[in-house]
């Protein structure tokens, strides 16, 4: 898998995580541990995208 393919894959996963975070926070009793875990993974992916993009 080339860098561009990997970046596209990571961006898709980043978007999925954003949706999962939004869904969790919209719940009447959101699971804060789950939100924290999702945000941590989302940040890790963002960092990897930045590294691969050379930013």
N, C-alpha and C. Protein backbone atom coordinates (compact mmCIF):
# COMPACT_ATOMS: atom_id res chain seq x y z
N UNK A 1 0.86 -1.18 0.00
CA UNK A 1 0.00 0.00 0.00
C UNK A 1 0.90 1.23 0.00
N UNK A 2 0.66 2.13 -0.97
CA UNK A 2 1.45 3.35 -1.05
C UNK A 2 1.01 4.36 -0.01
N UNK A 3 1.80 5.43 0.09
CA UNK A 3 1.48 6.48 1.06
C UNK A 3 0.11 7.09 0.81
N UNK A 4 -0.21 7.34 -0.45
CA UNK A 4 -1.51 7.97 -0.74
C UNK A 4 -2.66 7.06 -0.35
N UNK A 5 -2.54 5.77 -0.65
CA UNK A 5 -3.58 4.82 -0.26
C UNK A 5 -3.72 4.74 1.25
N UNK A 6 -2.60 4.75 1.93
CA UNK A 6 -2.61 4.69 3.40
C UNK A 6 -3.27 5.94 3.98
N UNK A 7 -2.96 7.10 3.41
CA UNK A 7 -3.55 8.35 3.87
C UNK A 7 -5.06 8.33 3.67
N UNK A 8 -5.51 7.86 2.50
CA UNK A 8 -6.94 7.78 2.23
C UNK A 8 -7.62 6.85 3.23
N UNK A 9 -6.99 5.73 3.51
CA UNK A 9 -7.53 4.78 4.48
C UNK A 9 -7.60 5.41 5.87
N UNK A 10 -6.55 6.10 6.26
CA UNK A 10 -6.53 6.75 7.58
C UNK A 10 -7.58 7.86 7.67
N UNK A 11 -7.75 8.62 6.59
CA UNK A 11 -8.76 9.68 6.59
C UNK A 11 -10.15 9.10 6.74
N UNK A 12 -10.41 7.95 6.11
CA UNK A 12 -11.71 7.30 6.24
C UNK A 12 -11.93 6.86 7.68
N UNK A 13 -10.91 6.26 8.29
CA UNK A 13 -11.01 5.83 9.68
C UNK A 13 -11.19 7.03 10.62
N UNK A 14 -10.51 8.12 10.33
CA UNK A 14 -10.62 9.36 11.11
C UNK A 14 -12.07 9.84 11.08
N UNK A 15 -12.67 9.80 9.90
CA UNK A 15 -14.07 10.22 9.74
C UNK A 15 -15.01 9.28 10.53
N UNK A 16 -14.75 7.98 10.46
CA UNK A 16 -15.56 7.01 11.21
C UNK A 16 -15.48 7.29 12.71
N UNK A 17 -14.29 7.60 13.18
CA UNK A 17 -14.13 7.90 14.60
C UNK A 17 -14.88 9.17 14.99
N UNK A 18 -14.85 10.16 14.12
CA UNK A 18 -15.59 11.41 14.38
C UNK A 18 -17.08 11.11 14.52
N UNK A 19 -17.59 10.28 13.63
CA UNK A 19 -19.01 9.91 13.71
C UNK A 19 -19.32 9.13 14.99
N UNK A 20 -18.42 8.24 15.37
CA UNK A 20 -18.61 7.46 16.60
C UNK A 20 -18.59 8.37 17.83
N UNK A 21 -17.70 9.34 17.83
CA UNK A 21 -17.63 10.30 18.94
C UNK A 21 -18.92 11.11 19.01
N UNK A 22 -19.38 11.58 17.86
CA UNK A 22 -20.63 12.35 17.82
C UNK A 22 -21.82 11.52 18.30
N UNK A 23 -21.87 10.27 17.88
CA UNK A 23 -22.97 9.39 18.30
C UNK A 23 -22.92 9.15 19.81
N UNK A 24 -21.74 8.96 20.32
CA UNK A 24 -21.58 8.69 21.76
C UNK A 24 -21.97 9.93 22.58
N UNK A 25 -21.55 11.11 22.13
CA UNK A 25 -21.87 12.32 22.89
C UNK A 25 -23.35 12.70 22.79
N UNK A 26 -24.03 12.20 21.77
CA UNK A 26 -25.46 12.50 21.60
C UNK A 26 -26.33 11.62 22.50
N UNK A 27 -25.75 10.58 23.07
CA UNK A 27 -26.51 9.68 23.94
C UNK A 27 -26.89 10.39 25.24
N UNK A 28 -27.99 9.97 25.85
CA UNK A 28 -28.39 10.57 27.12
C UNK A 28 -27.33 10.40 28.22
N UNK A 29 -26.66 9.26 28.25
CA UNK A 29 -25.61 9.00 29.23
C UNK A 29 -24.37 8.52 28.49
N UNK A 30 -23.61 9.44 27.90
CA UNK A 30 -22.45 9.03 27.12
C UNK A 30 -21.39 8.33 27.97
N UNK A 31 -20.73 7.38 27.35
CA UNK A 31 -19.66 6.63 28.01
C UNK A 31 -18.37 7.44 27.85
N UNK A 32 -17.97 8.12 28.91
CA UNK A 32 -16.80 9.00 28.85
C UNK A 32 -15.51 8.23 28.55
N UNK A 33 -15.41 7.01 29.06
CA UNK A 33 -14.22 6.20 28.78
C UNK A 33 -14.13 5.88 27.29
N UNK A 34 -15.27 5.55 26.69
CA UNK A 34 -15.31 5.25 25.25
C UNK A 34 -14.97 6.49 24.44
N UNK A 35 -15.52 7.63 24.82
CA UNK A 35 -15.23 8.88 24.12
C UNK A 35 -13.73 9.19 24.20
N UNK A 36 -13.15 9.03 25.37
CA UNK A 36 -11.73 9.28 25.55
C UNK A 36 -10.89 8.37 24.65
N UNK A 37 -11.25 7.10 24.62
CA UNK A 37 -10.54 6.13 23.79
C UNK A 37 -10.65 6.48 22.31
N UNK A 38 -11.84 6.85 21.87
CA UNK A 38 -12.06 7.22 20.47
C UNK A 38 -11.25 8.47 20.10
N UNK A 39 -11.26 9.45 20.98
CA UNK A 39 -10.51 10.68 20.72
C UNK A 39 -9.01 10.42 20.66
N UNK A 40 -8.53 9.52 21.52
CA UNK A 40 -7.12 9.19 21.54
C UNK A 40 -6.71 8.51 20.23
N UNK A 41 -7.54 7.58 19.76
CA UNK A 41 -7.24 6.92 18.48
C UNK A 41 -7.32 7.91 17.32
N UNK A 42 -8.30 8.80 17.37
CA UNK A 42 -8.45 9.80 16.32
C UNK A 42 -7.22 10.70 16.25
N UNK A 43 -6.69 11.10 17.39
CA UNK A 43 -5.49 11.93 17.43
C UNK A 43 -4.27 11.17 16.89
N UNK A 44 -4.15 9.89 17.25
CA UNK A 44 -3.05 9.07 16.74
C UNK A 44 -3.10 8.98 15.22
N UNK A 45 -4.30 8.82 14.69
CA UNK A 45 -4.47 8.74 13.23
C UNK A 45 -4.13 10.07 12.58
N UNK A 46 -4.58 11.16 13.19
CA UNK A 46 -4.26 12.49 12.65
C UNK A 46 -2.76 12.71 12.60
N UNK A 47 -2.06 12.30 13.65
CA UNK A 47 -0.60 12.42 13.68
C UNK A 47 0.04 11.59 12.58
N UNK A 48 -0.48 10.39 12.36
CA UNK A 48 0.10 9.53 11.31
C UNK A 48 -0.15 10.13 9.93
N UNK A 49 -1.33 10.69 9.73
CA UNK A 49 -1.64 11.36 8.45
C UNK A 49 -0.67 12.51 8.23
N UNK A 50 -0.43 13.30 9.27
CA UNK A 50 0.50 14.44 9.16
C UNK A 50 1.91 13.95 8.82
N UNK A 51 2.33 12.89 9.47
CA UNK A 51 3.67 12.35 9.21
C UNK A 51 3.79 11.87 7.77
N UNK A 52 2.80 11.13 7.30
CA UNK A 52 2.84 10.61 5.93
C UNK A 52 2.74 11.72 4.89
N UNK A 53 2.02 12.79 5.25
CA UNK A 53 1.85 13.91 4.32
C UNK A 53 3.08 14.80 4.27
N UNK A 54 3.97 14.60 5.21
CA UNK A 54 5.19 15.42 5.26
C UNK A 54 4.94 16.80 5.82
N UNK A 55 3.88 16.93 6.60
CA UNK A 55 3.54 18.23 7.20
C UNK A 55 4.20 18.36 8.53
